[in-house]
C-alpha atoms as a PDB file:
ATOM      1  CA  UNK A   1     -12.196 -41.407   7.633  1.00  0.00           C
ATOM      2  CA  UNK A   2     -13.218 -37.941   6.527  1.00  0.00           C
ATOM      3  CA  UNK A   3     -14.842 -35.343   8.740  1.00  0.00           C
ATOM      4  CA  UNK A   4     -16.825 -32.285   7.684  1.00  0.00           C
ATOM      5  CA  UNK A   5     -16.026 -28.749   8.777  1.00  0.00           C
ATOM      6  CA  UNK A   6     -19.236 -26.980   9.787  1.00  0.00           C
ATOM      7  CA  UNK A   7     -17.805 -23.476  10.118  1.00  0.00           C
ATOM      8  CA  UNK A   8     -18.713 -22.157   6.664  1.00  0.00           C
ATOM      9  CA  UNK A   9     -20.878 -23.154   3.689  1.00  0.00           C
ATOM     10  CA  UNK A  10     -17.943 -24.756   1.852  1.00  0.00           C
ATOM     11  CA  UNK A  11     -18.475 -27.745   4.176  1.00  0.00           C
ATOM     12  CA  UNK A  12     -14.994 -29.120   3.462  1.00  0.00           C
ATOM     13  CA  UNK A  13     -14.750 -32.885   3.944  1.00  0.00           C
ATOM     14  CA  UNK A  14     -11.220 -33.553   5.091  1.00  0.00           C
ATOM     15  CA  UNK A  15      -9.199 -36.745   5.296  1.00  0.00           C
ATOM     16  CA  UNK A  16      -6.573 -37.211   8.010  1.00  0.00           C
ATOM     17  CA  UNK A  17      -4.041 -34.321   7.921  1.00  0.00           C
ATOM     18  CA  UNK A  18      -5.939 -32.623   5.098  1.00  0.00           C
ATOM     19  CA  UNK A  19      -6.365 -28.847   5.317  1.00  0.00           C
ATOM     20  CA  UNK A  20      -9.520 -26.976   4.316  1.00  0.00           C
ATOM     21  CA  UNK A  21      -9.949 -24.395   1.567  1.00  0.00           C
ATOM     22  CA  UNK A  22      -9.276 -21.692   4.146  1.00  0.00           C
ATOM     23  CA  UNK A  23      -5.693 -23.041   4.558  1.00  0.00           C
ATOM     24  CA  UNK A  24      -5.844 -22.860   8.352  1.00  0.00           C
ATOM     25  CA  UNK A  25      -8.020 -25.737   9.596  1.00  0.00           C
ATOM     26  CA  UNK A  26      -6.678 -29.292   9.664  1.00  0.00           C
ATOM     27  CA  UNK A  27      -8.096 -32.750  10.405  1.00  0.00           C
ATOM     28  CA  UNK A  28      -6.126 -34.666  13.015  1.00  0.00           C
ATOM     29  CA  UNK A  29      -7.372 -37.810  14.696  1.00  0.00           C
ATOM     30  CA  UNK A  30     -11.048 -37.199  14.041  1.00  0.00           C
ATOM     31  CA  UNK A  31     -11.008 -33.548  15.150  1.00  0.00           C
ATOM     32  CA  UNK A  32     -10.457 -30.209  13.465  1.00  0.00           C
ATOM     33  CA  UNK A  33      -7.687 -27.963  14.715  1.00  0.00           C
ATOM     34  CA  UNK A  34      -6.818 -24.349  13.987  1.00  0.00           C
ATOM     35  CA  UNK A  35      -3.325 -23.687  12.689  1.00  0.00           C
ATOM     36  CA  UNK A  36      -3.491 -19.984  13.565  1.00  0.00           C
ATOM     37  CA  UNK A  37      -4.861 -19.671  17.095  1.00  0.00           C
ATOM     38  CA  UNK A  38      -2.741 -17.016  18.778  1.00  0.00           C
ATOM     39  CA  UNK A  39      -0.689 -16.453  15.605  1.00  0.00           C
ATOM     40  CA  UNK A  40      -1.255 -12.881  14.455  1.00  0.00           C
ATOM     41  CA  UNK A  41       0.257 -11.871  11.113  1.00  0.00           C
ATOM     42  CA  UNK A  42      -1.090  -8.297  11.121  1.00  0.00           C
ATOM     43  CA  UNK A  43      -1.544  -6.023  14.128  1.00  0.00           C
ATOM     44  CA  UNK A  44      -2.283  -2.290  13.967  1.00  0.00           C
ATOM     45  CA  UNK A  45      -4.100   0.453  15.809  1.00  0.00           C
ATOM     46  CA  UNK A  46      -6.553   1.894  13.284  1.00  0.00           C
ATOM     47  CA  UNK A  47      -9.205   4.594  13.380  1.00  0.00           C
ATOM     48  CA  UNK A  48     -12.513   2.801  13.740  1.00  0.00           C
ATOM     49  CA  UNK A  49     -13.625   4.638  10.582  1.00  0.00           C
ATOM     50  CA  UNK A  50     -11.102   2.594   8.579  1.00  0.00           C
ATOM     51  CA  UNK A  51     -13.035  -0.662   9.121  1.00  0.00           C
ATOM     52  CA  UNK A  52     -15.301   1.115   7.988  1.00  0.00           C
ATOM     53  CA  UNK A  53     -17.504   1.504  11.055  1.00  0.00           C
ATOM     54  CA  UNK A  54     -19.192   4.932  11.141  1.00  0.00           C
ATOM     55  CA  UNK A  55     -21.953   4.282  13.677  1.00  0.00           C
ATOM     56  CA  UNK A  56     -20.000   3.104  16.708  1.00  0.00           C
ATOM     57  CA  UNK A  57     -17.706   5.243  18.881  1.00  0.00           C
ATOM     58  CA  UNK A  58     -16.614   7.691  16.149  1.00  0.00           C
ATOM     59  CA  UNK A  59     -13.083   9.006  16.375  1.00  0.00           C
ATOM     60  CA  UNK A  60     -11.785   6.167  18.570  1.00  0.00           C
ATOM     61  CA  UNK A  61      -9.033   3.625  17.973  1.00  0.00           C
ATOM     62  CA  UNK A  62      -9.629  -0.023  17.083  1.00  0.00           C
ATOM     63  CA  UNK A  63      -6.921  -2.534  17.947  1.00  0.00           C
ATOM     64  CA  UNK A  64      -6.923  -4.566  14.734  1.00  0.00           C
ATOM     65  CA  UNK A  65      -5.675  -8.140  14.336  1.00  0.00           C
ATOM     66  CA  UNK A  66      -5.581 -10.837  11.662  1.00  0.00           C
ATOM     67  CA  UNK A  67      -4.132 -14.240  10.952  1.00  0.00           C
ATOM     68  CA  UNK A  68      -3.335 -15.863   7.632  1.00  0.00           C
ATOM     69  CA  UNK A  69      -6.140 -17.457   5.635  1.00  0.00           C
ATOM     70  CA  UNK A  70      -9.522 -16.815   4.066  1.00  0.00           C
ATOM     71  CA  UNK A  71     -12.445 -18.939   2.904  1.00  0.00           C
ATOM     72  CA  UNK A  72     -12.947 -16.803  -0.214  1.00  0.00           C
ATOM     73  CA  UNK A  73     -10.660 -16.289  -3.205  1.00  0.00           C
ATOM     74  CA  UNK A  74     -11.563 -12.769  -4.341  1.00  0.00           C
ATOM     75  CA  UNK A  75      -9.620 -11.793  -7.444  1.00  0.00           C
ATOM     76  CA  UNK A  76      -9.398  -8.178  -6.247  1.00  0.00           C
ATOM     77  CA  UNK A  77      -8.249  -8.833  -2.657  1.00  0.00           C
ATOM     78  CA  UNK A  78      -6.159  -5.978  -1.295  1.00  0.00           C
ATOM     79  CA  UNK A  79      -4.591  -8.183   1.396  1.00  0.00           C
ATOM     80  CA  UNK A  80      -3.955 -11.214  -0.764  1.00  0.00           C
ATOM     81  CA  UNK A  81      -0.387 -11.665   0.514  1.00  0.00           C
ATOM     82  CA  UNK A  82      -1.805 -12.851   3.833  1.00  0.00           C
ATOM     83  CA  UNK A  83      -5.395 -13.834   3.033  1.00  0.00           C
ATOM     84  CA  UNK A  84      -4.407 -16.212   0.254  1.00  0.00           C
ATOM     85  CA  UNK A  85      -1.314 -17.541   2.061  1.00  0.00           C
ATOM     86  CA  UNK A  86      -0.719 -20.543   4.263  1.00  0.00           C
ATOM     87  CA  UNK A  87       0.281 -19.809   7.873  1.00  0.00           C
ATOM     88  CA  UNK A  88       3.843 -20.957   7.239  1.00  0.00           C
ATOM     89  CA  UNK A  89       4.105 -18.459   4.377  1.00  0.00           C
ATOM     90  CA  UNK A  90       3.429 -15.436   6.584  1.00  0.00           C
ATOM     91  CA  UNK A  91       5.414 -13.694   9.277  1.00  0.00           C
ATOM     92  CA  UNK A  92       3.411 -13.977  12.474  1.00  0.00           C
ATOM     93  CA  UNK A  93       3.976 -13.496  16.166  1.00  0.00           C
ATOM     94  CA  UNK A  94       2.578 -15.197  19.209  1.00  0.00           C
ATOM     95  CA  UNK A  95      -0.264 -13.021  20.419  1.00  0.00           C
ATOM     96  CA  UNK A  96      -2.640 -14.852  22.761  1.00  0.00           C
ATOM     97  CA  UNK A  97      -6.087 -13.373  23.437  1.00  0.00           C
ATOM     98  CA  UNK A  98      -5.183 -11.961  26.833  1.00  0.00           C
ATOM     99  CA  UNK A  99      -2.231 -10.142  25.317  1.00  0.00           C
ATOM    100  CA  UNK A 100      -4.441  -8.588  22.630  1.00  0.00           C
ATOM    101  CA  UNK A 101      -6.720  -7.177  25.301  1.00  0.00           C
ATOM    102  CA  UNK A 102      -3.789  -5.864  27.338  1.00  0.00           C
ATOM    103  CA  UNK A 103      -2.212  -4.194  24.311  1.00  0.00           C
ATOM    104  CA  UNK A 104      -5.544  -2.719  23.214  1.00  0.00           C
ATOM    105  CA  UNK A 105      -6.050  -1.140  26.620  1.00  0.00           C
ATOM    106  CA  UNK A 106      -2.460   0.100  26.731  1.00  0.00           C
ATOM    107  CA  UNK A 107      -3.018   1.779  23.355  1.00  0.00           C
ATOM    108  CA  UNK A 108      -6.220   3.367  24.720  1.00  0.00           C
ATOM    109  CA  UNK A 109      -8.350   1.689  22.087  1.00  0.00           C
ATOM    110  CA  UNK A 110     -12.071   1.393  22.719  1.00  0.00           C
ATOM    111  CA  UNK A 111     -12.480  -1.735  20.617  1.00  0.00           C
ATOM    112  CA  UNK A 112     -10.806  -4.784  19.123  1.00  0.00           C
ATOM    113  CA  UNK A 113     -11.340  -5.403  15.388  1.00  0.00           C
ATOM    114  CA  UNK A 114     -10.952  -8.787  13.723  1.00  0.00           C
ATOM    115  CA  UNK A 115     -10.100  -7.761  10.195  1.00  0.00           C
ATOM    116  CA  UNK A 116      -7.719  -7.592   7.194  1.00  0.00           C
ATOM    117  CA  UNK A 117      -8.134 -11.258   6.150  1.00  0.00           C
ATOM    118  CA  UNK A 118     -11.286 -13.237   7.007  1.00  0.00           C
ATOM    119  CA  UNK A 119     -11.868 -13.536  10.753  1.00  0.00           C
ATOM    120  CA  UNK A 120     -14.289 -16.411  10.269  1.00  0.00           C
ATOM    121  CA  UNK A 121     -11.376 -18.760   9.548  1.00  0.00           C
ATOM    122  CA  UNK A 122      -9.730 -17.878  12.872  1.00  0.00           C
ATOM    123  CA  UNK A 123     -13.082 -18.235  14.610  1.00  0.00           C
ATOM    124  CA  UNK A 124     -11.861 -19.755  17.892  1.00  0.00           C
ATOM    125  CA  UNK A 125      -9.123 -17.138  18.273  1.00  0.00           C
ATOM    126  CA  UNK A 126     -11.617 -14.357  17.581  1.00  0.00           C
ATOM    127  CA  UNK A 127     -14.203 -15.790  19.982  1.00  0.00           C
ATOM    128  CA  UNK A 128     -11.729 -16.309  22.826  1.00  0.00           C
ATOM    129  CA  UNK A 129     -10.393 -12.775  22.383  1.00  0.00           C
ATOM    130  CA  UNK A 130     -13.835 -11.205  22.078  1.00  0.00           C
ATOM    131  CA  UNK A 131     -14.979 -12.762  25.348  1.00  0.00           C
ATOM    132  CA  UNK A 132     -11.961 -11.363  27.192  1.00  0.00           C
ATOM    133  CA  UNK A 133     -12.323  -7.996  25.477  1.00  0.00           C
ATOM    134  CA  UNK A 134     -15.985  -7.764  26.465  1.00  0.00           C
ATOM    135  CA  UNK A 135     -15.113  -8.598  30.076  1.00  0.00           C
ATOM    136  CA  UNK A 136     -12.495  -5.828  30.014  1.00  0.00           C
ATOM    137  CA  UNK A 137     -15.013  -3.243  28.787  1.00  0.00           C
ATOM    138  CA  UNK A 138     -13.875  -3.177  25.152  1.00  0.00           C
ATOM    139  CA  UNK A 139     -16.179  -3.382  22.155  1.00  0.00           C
ATOM    140  CA  UNK A 140     -15.666  -6.009  19.417  1.00  0.00           C
ATOM    141  CA  UNK A 141     -15.819  -5.491  15.650  1.00  0.00           C
ATOM    142  CA  UNK A 142     -16.100  -8.250  13.032  1.00  0.00           C
ATOM    143  CA  UNK A 143     -14.975  -7.159   9.541  1.00  0.00           C
ATOM    144  CA  UNK A 144     -16.077 -10.002   7.321  1.00  0.00           C
ATOM    145  CA  UNK A 145     -17.203 -11.316   3.965  1.00  0.00           C
ATOM    146  CA  UNK A 146     -19.998 -13.067   5.845  1.00  0.00           C
ATOM    147  CA  UNK A 147     -19.478 -16.569   4.434  1.00  0.00           C
ATOM    148  CA  UNK A 148     -20.243 -18.397   7.674  1.00  0.00           C
ATOM    149  CA  UNK A 149     -22.829 -20.870   8.895  1.00  0.00           C
ATOM    150  CA  UNK A 150     -25.660 -19.854  11.215  1.00  0.00           C
ATOM    151  CA  UNK A 151     -24.587 -21.913  14.239  1.00  0.00           C
ATOM    152  CA  UNK A 152     -21.129 -20.349  14.684  1.00  0.00           C
ATOM    153  CA  UNK A 153     -22.632 -16.930  14.034  1.00  0.00           C
ATOM    154  CA  UNK A 154     -25.122 -17.511  16.841  1.00  0.00           C
ATOM    155  CA  UNK A 155     -22.207 -18.402  19.127  1.00  0.00           C
ATOM    156  CA  UNK A 156     -20.252 -15.292  18.136  1.00  0.00           C
ATOM    157  CA  UNK A 157     -23.026 -12.689  18.165  1.00  0.00           C
ATOM    158  CA  UNK A 158     -23.418 -12.332  21.959  1.00  0.00           C
ATOM    159  CA  UNK A 159     -19.878 -10.912  22.251  1.00  0.00           C
ATOM    160  CA  UNK A 160     -19.742  -9.056  18.931  1.00  0.00           C
ATOM    161  CA  UNK A 161     -20.905  -5.437  19.086  1.00  0.00           C
ATOM    162  CA  UNK A 162     -20.529  -4.361  15.465  1.00  0.00           C
ATOM    163  CA  UNK A 163     -19.846  -5.896  12.077  1.00  0.00           C
ATOM    164  CA  UNK A 164     -18.995  -4.549   8.686  1.00  0.00           C
ATOM    165  CA  UNK A 165     -20.148  -7.214   6.255  1.00  0.00           C
ATOM    166  CA  UNK A 166     -19.176  -7.183   2.588  1.00  0.00           C
ATOM    167  CA  UNK A 167     -21.976  -7.734   0.126  1.00  0.00           C
ATOM    168  CA  UNK A 168     -19.793  -7.993  -2.953  1.00  0.00           C
ATOM    169  CA  UNK A 169     -22.571  -8.378  -5.500  1.00  0.00           C
ATOM    170  CA  UNK A 170     -26.272  -9.158  -5.781  1.00  0.00           C
ATOM    171  CA  UNK A 171     -25.524 -11.780  -8.442  1.00  0.00           C
ATOM    172  CA  UNK A 172     -24.606 -15.341  -7.539  1.00  0.00           C
ATOM    173  CA  UNK A 173     -22.595 -15.674 -10.744  1.00  0.00           C
ATOM    174  CA  UNK A 174     -20.269 -12.894  -9.549  1.00  0.00           C
ATOM    175  CA  UNK A 175     -19.677 -14.661  -6.248  1.00  0.00           C
ATOM    176  CA  UNK A 176     -18.896 -17.939  -7.983  1.00  0.00           C
ATOM    177  CA  UNK A 177     -16.671 -16.494 -10.740  1.00  0.00           C
ATOM    178  CA  UNK A 178     -14.873 -13.688  -8.886  1.00  0.00           C
ATOM    179  CA  UNK A 179     -14.911 -14.713  -5.217  1.00  0.00           C
ATOM    180  CA  UNK A 180     -15.187 -18.502  -5.088  1.00  0.00           C
ATOM    181  CA  UNK A 181     -18.323 -18.388  -2.935  1.00  0.00           C
ATOM    182  CA  UNK A 182     -22.116 -18.028  -3.136  1.00  0.00           C
ATOM    183  CA  UNK A 183     -24.445 -15.103  -2.598  1.00  0.00           C
ATOM    184  CA  UNK A 184     -27.269 -16.482  -0.462  1.00  0.00           C
ATOM    185  CA  UNK A 185     -25.147 -17.389   2.588  1.00  0.00           C
ATOM    186  CA  UNK A 186     -23.874 -13.802   2.722  1.00  0.00           C
ATOM    187  CA  UNK A 187     -27.390 -12.366   2.614  1.00  0.00           C
ATOM    188  CA  UNK A 188     -28.399 -14.832   5.325  1.00  0.00           C
ATOM    189  CA  UNK A 189     -25.473 -13.696   7.486  1.00  0.00           C
ATOM    190  CA  UNK A 190     -26.417 -10.023   7.211  1.00  0.00           C
ATOM    191  CA  UNK A 191     -30.032 -10.716   8.122  1.00  0.00           C
ATOM    192  CA  UNK A 192     -29.195 -13.056  11.011  1.00  0.00           C
ATOM    193  CA  UNK A 193     -26.526 -10.754  12.475  1.00  0.00           C
ATOM    194  CA  UNK A 194     -29.041  -7.902  12.618  1.00  0.00           C
ATOM    195  CA  UNK A 195     -31.662 -10.154  14.218  1.00  0.00           C
ATOM    196  CA  UNK A 196     -29.112 -11.258  16.819  1.00  0.00           C
ATOM    197  CA  UNK A 197     -28.477  -7.663  17.852  1.00  0.00           C
ATOM    198  CA  UNK A 198     -25.172  -6.944  16.138  1.00  0.00           C
ATOM    199  CA  UNK A 199     -24.827  -3.359  14.869  1.00  0.00           C
ATOM    200  CA  UNK A 200     -24.283  -4.038  11.154  1.00  0.00           C
ATOM    201  CA  UNK A 201     -22.859  -1.849   8.410  1.00  0.00           C
ATOM    202  CA  UNK A 202     -22.530  -3.091   4.827  1.00  0.00           C
ATOM    203  CA  UNK A 203     -19.775  -2.459   2.291  1.00  0.00           C
ATOM    204  CA  UNK A 204     -20.130  -2.886  -1.475  1.00  0.00           C
ATOM    205  CA  UNK A 205     -16.940  -2.617  -3.536  1.00  0.00           C
ATOM    206  CA  UNK A 206     -17.887  -1.364  -7.002  1.00  0.00           C
ATOM    207  CA  UNK A 207     -15.728  -3.112  -9.624  1.00  0.00           C
ATOM    208  CA  UNK A 208     -15.990  -1.630 -13.136  1.00  0.00           C
ATOM    209  CA  UNK A 209     -17.732  -3.881 -15.717  1.00  0.00           C
ATOM    210  CA  UNK A 210     -18.400  -6.614 -13.129  1.00  0.00           C
ATOM    211  CA  UNK A 211     -20.886  -5.344 -10.519  1.00  0.00           C
ATOM    212  CA  UNK A 212     -21.353  -1.665 -11.364  1.00  0.00           C
ATOM    213  CA  UNK A 213     -24.747  -1.603 -13.071  1.00  0.00           C
ATOM    214  CA  UNK A 214     -27.285   0.690 -11.441  1.00  0.00           C
ATOM    215  CA  UNK A 215     -29.849  -2.108 -11.698  1.00  0.00           C
ATOM    216  CA  UNK A 216     -27.712  -4.213  -9.395  1.00  0.00           C
ATOM    217  CA  UNK A 217     -27.134  -1.275  -7.054  1.00  0.00           C
ATOM    218  CA  UNK A 218     -30.891  -0.728  -6.934  1.00  0.00           C
ATOM    219  CA  UNK A 219     -31.437  -4.414  -6.134  1.00  0.00           C
ATOM    220  CA  UNK A 220     -28.969  -4.105  -3.265  1.00  0.00           C
ATOM    221  CA  UNK A 221     -30.601  -0.992  -1.829  1.00  0.00           C
ATOM    222  CA  UNK A 222     -34.074  -2.515  -2.028  1.00  0.00           C
ATOM    223  CA  UNK A 223     -32.854  -5.709  -0.351  1.00  0.00           C
ATOM    224  CA  UNK A 224     -31.203  -3.777   2.475  1.00  0.00           C
ATOM    225  CA  UNK A 225     -34.313  -1.682   3.090  1.00  0.00           C
ATOM    226  CA  UNK A 226     -36.762  -4.571   2.980  1.00  0.00           C
ATOM    227  CA  UNK A 227     -34.668  -7.102   4.902  1.00  0.00           C
ATOM    228  CA  UNK A 228     -32.651  -5.258   7.567  1.00  0.00           C
ATOM    229  CA  UNK A 229     -34.047  -1.736   7.412  1.00  0.00           C
ATOM    230  CA  UNK A 230     -33.316   1.656   5.912  1.00  0.00           C
ATOM    231  CA  UNK A 231     -31.194   2.723   8.915  1.00  0.00           C
ATOM    232  CA  UNK A 232     -28.455   0.128   8.300  1.00  0.00           C
ATOM    233  CA  UNK A 233     -25.455   2.024   6.863  1.00  0.00           C
ATOM    234  CA  UNK A 234     -24.255   1.178   3.360  1.00  0.00           C
ATOM    235  CA  UNK A 235     -20.727   2.023   2.172  1.00  0.00           C
ATOM    236  CA  UNK A 236     -19.885   2.123  -1.531  1.00  0.00           C
ATOM    237  CA  UNK A 237     -16.152   1.627  -1.932  1.00  0.00           C
ATOM    238  CA  UNK A 238     -14.049   2.539  -4.952  1.00  0.00           C
ATOM    239  CA  UNK A 239     -12.040  -0.229  -6.629  1.00  0.00           C
ATOM    240  CA  UNK A 240      -8.384   0.165  -7.549  1.00  0.00           C
ATOM    241  CA  UNK A 241      -6.655  -2.447  -9.748  1.00  0.00           C
ATOM    242  CA  UNK A 242      -4.701  -5.068  -7.838  1.00  0.00           C
ATOM    243  CA  UNK A 243      -3.989  -8.785  -7.418  1.00  0.00           C
ATOM    244  CA  UNK A 244      -5.690 -10.630 -10.302  1.00  0.00           C
ATOM    245  CA  UNK A 245      -7.754  -7.715 -11.610  1.00  0.00           C
ATOM    246  CA  UNK A 246      -4.879  -5.384 -12.431  1.00  0.00           C
ATOM    247  CA  UNK A 247      -6.121  -4.665 -15.955  1.00  0.00           C
ATOM    248  CA  UNK A 248      -9.392  -3.116 -14.879  1.00  0.00           C
ATOM    249  CA  UNK A 249      -9.537   0.667 -14.374  1.00  0.00           C
ATOM    250  CA  UNK A 250     -10.347   2.313 -11.047  1.00  0.00           C
ATOM    251  CA  UNK A 251     -14.016   2.901 -10.397  1.00  0.00           C
ATOM    252  CA  UNK A 252     -15.023   6.248 -11.966  1.00  0.00           C
ATOM    253  CA  UNK A 253     -16.058   8.806  -9.387  1.00  0.00           C
ATOM    254  CA  UNK A 254     -19.316   9.378 -11.218  1.00  0.00           C
ATOM    255  CA  UNK A 255     -20.189   5.682 -10.746  1.00  0.00           C
ATOM    256  CA  UNK A 256     -19.712   5.967  -6.983  1.00  0.00           C
ATOM    257  CA  UNK A 257     -21.822   9.132  -6.897  1.00  0.00           C
ATOM    258  CA  UNK A 258     -24.561   7.539  -9.003  1.00  0.00           C
ATOM    259  CA  UNK A 259     -24.638   4.468  -6.765  1.00  0.00           C
ATOM    260  CA  UNK A 260     -25.041   6.600  -3.664  1.00  0.00           C
ATOM    261  CA  UNK A 261     -27.822   8.608  -5.293  1.00  0.00           C
ATOM    262  CA  UNK A 262     -29.647   5.422  -6.283  1.00  0.00           C
ATOM    263  CA  UNK A 263     -29.446   4.036  -2.738  1.00  0.00           C
ATOM    264  CA  UNK A 264     -30.671   7.299  -1.243  1.00  0.00           C
ATOM    265  CA  UNK A 265     -33.520   7.442  -3.758  1.00  0.00           C
ATOM    266  CA  UNK A 266     -34.543   3.937  -2.687  1.00  0.00           C
ATOM    267  CA  UNK A 267     -34.923   5.208   0.869  1.00  0.00           C
ATOM    268  CA  UNK A 268     -31.685   4.224   2.629  1.00  0.00           C
ATOM    269  CA  UNK A 269     -30.844   6.732   5.352  1.00  0.00           C
ATOM    270  CA  UNK A 270     -27.063   6.394   5.756  1.00  0.00           C
ATOM    271  CA  UNK A 271     -25.113   5.938   2.514  1.00  0.00           C
ATOM    272  CA  UNK A 272     -21.369   6.572   2.443  1.00  0.00           C
ATOM    273  CA  UNK A 273     -18.556   6.368  -0.081  1.00  0.00           C
ATOM    274  CA  UNK A 274     -15.002   5.124   0.402  1.00  0.00           C
ATOM    275  CA  UNK A 275     -11.674   5.584  -1.393  1.00  0.00           C
ATOM    276  CA  UNK A 276     -12.891   8.868  -2.885  1.00  0.00           C
ATOM    277  CA  UNK A 277     -11.923  12.538  -2.411  1.00  0.00           C
ATOM    278  CA  UNK A 278     -13.462  14.071   0.671  1.00  0.00           C
ATOM    279  CA  UNK A 279     -17.023  15.293   0.299  1.00  0.00           C
ATOM    280  CA  UNK A 280     -20.362  15.297   2.099  1.00  0.00           C
ATOM    281  CA  UNK A 281     -20.826  11.568   1.565  1.00  0.00           C
ATOM    282  CA  UNK A 282     -18.499  10.848   4.513  1.00  0.00           C
ATOM    283  CA  UNK A 283     -20.756  12.745   6.933  1.00  0.00           C
ATOM    284  CA  UNK A 284     -23.629  11.394   8.988  1.00  0.00           C
ATOM    285  CA  UNK A 285     -26.990  13.139   8.859  1.00  0.00           C
ATOM    286  CA  UNK A 286     -30.077  12.784  11.020  1.00  0.00           C
ATOM    287  CA  UNK A 287     -32.574  10.512   9.292  1.00  0.00           C
ATOM    288  CA  UNK A 288     -35.452  12.498  10.787  1.00  0.00           C
ATOM    289  CA  UNK A 289     -34.573  16.179  10.328  1.00  0.00           C
ATOM    290  CA  UNK A 290     -31.582  16.033   7.984  1.00  0.00           C
ATOM    291  CA  UNK A 291     -29.156  18.009  10.137  1.00  0.00           C
ATOM    292  CA  UNK A 292     -25.492  17.047  10.045  1.00  0.00           C
ATOM    293  CA  UNK A 293     -24.520  15.019  13.096  1.00  0.00           C
ATOM    294  CA  UNK A 294     -20.980  13.861  12.363  1.00  0.00           C
ATOM    295  CA  UNK A 295     -18.475  15.630  10.145  1.00  0.00           C
ATOM    296  CA  UNK A 296     -15.530  13.595   8.818  1.00  0.00           C
ATOM    297  CA  UNK A 297     -12.418  14.381   6.822  1.00  0.00           C
ATOM    298  CA  UNK A 298     -10.939  11.071   5.743  1.00  0.00           C
ATOM    299  CA  UNK A 299     -10.653   9.001   8.915  1.00  0.00           C
ATOM    300  CA  UNK A 300     -10.731  12.094  11.137  1.00  0.00           C
ATOM    301  CA  UNK A 301     -13.893  13.109  12.972  1.00  0.00           C
ATOM    302  CA  UNK A 302     -14.089  16.904  12.981  1.00  0.00           C
ATOM    303  CA  UNK A 303     -17.466  17.229  14.705  1.00  0.00           C
ATOM    304  CA  UNK A 304     -19.592  14.774  16.679  1.00  0.00           C
ATOM    305  CA  UNK A 305     -23.074  15.950  17.697  1.00  0.00           C
ATOM    306  CA  UNK A 306     -24.883  12.713  18.557  1.00  0.00           C
ATOM    307  CA  UNK A 307     -25.998  12.929  22.181  1.00  0.00           C
ATOM    308  CA  UNK A 308     -27.333   9.932  24.047  1.00  0.00           C
ATOM    309  CA  UNK A 309     -27.845   8.126  20.763  1.00  0.00           C
ATOM    310  CA  UNK A 310     -30.073  10.897  19.419  1.00  0.00           C
ATOM    311  CA  UNK A 311     -30.037  14.042  17.316  1.00  0.00           C
ATOM    312  CA  UNK A 312     -29.645  17.114  19.571  1.00  0.00           C
ATOM    313  CA  UNK A 313     -31.904  19.151  17.283  1.00  0.00           C
ATOM    314  CA  UNK A 314     -34.990  16.976  16.863  1.00  0.00           C
ATOM    315  CA  UNK A 315     -34.460  14.132  19.316  1.00  0.00           C
ATOM    316  CA  UNK A 316     -34.599  11.466  16.604  1.00  0.00           C
ATOM    317  CA  UNK A 317     -32.774   8.257  17.499  1.00  0.00           C
ATOM    318  CA  UNK A 318     -29.624   7.512  15.505  1.00  0.00           C
ATOM    319  CA  UNK A 319     -28.812   3.926  14.544  1.00  0.00           C
ATOM    320  CA  UNK A 320     -25.587   2.789  16.195  1.00  0.00           C
ATOM    321  CA  UNK A 321     -23.589   2.422  19.398  1.00  0.00           C
ATOM    322  CA  UNK A 322     -22.557   5.775  20.800  1.00  0.00           C
ATOM    323  CA  UNK A 323     -21.194   5.054  24.300  1.00  0.00           C
END
């Protein structure tokens, strides 16, 4: 007898003892079991800006955890050693949810981030931890490719404060050829997460020759504005050759700058760049009066002027979570 996994759009149908495409969910006796619950293969205290999350608790630490596995197969993955590995191929340690919360508090972190690989595939571990973290007064951050079904997302959203969701392309062919997924489920995830009250930021990794046309960037900006709103932050990240795309060059700086200019011209209010030399594009400006609210140098916050979720100069509300 086969059973179907309903966690993500792959909808893997698994025979007894068969493991899904994510490498971490197995069919045993008519039920699905996680092979990675409580088995963390990466644990770090990161600046929240590294996620990147720019519109929640700037300058604070995020206790960041991951397990092996991913339900995508991106050819450019920077963490492929763990995301594309089976649990038995990684070095992990027992780290139950309660211990994560205790260690996060001991490290004076303000949040727990589920990150590095794809947190969707360790859904139960993430959900159990997020509930305990919320009860302990910590915020929760989901750093994800967004390839998840609506029902589990609805279960997760009440305890998830913020999410950085990758939109890797606006072309379905790119998702199929480069990532082993499909575009529409990702767009659905972004839209639903916003509707469910999660503070969403979006990241778009610009890969030379594959998703770097300004027409595609313009399509992305228009979709963001029309579907989730101009206030939702958009991060353009610079590609560096790695994993299975080692022969491509790094993204030219002028491409990153052009992409940001296109998105701003289309009316997006908060457009940032990543993996580039420090410039004004890392700062946050008031969408109403244009004054600088947050000054950043790399992952360091040099100035933070948001007060009570608003601009101190004009009183305009600033999208995000500030306390």
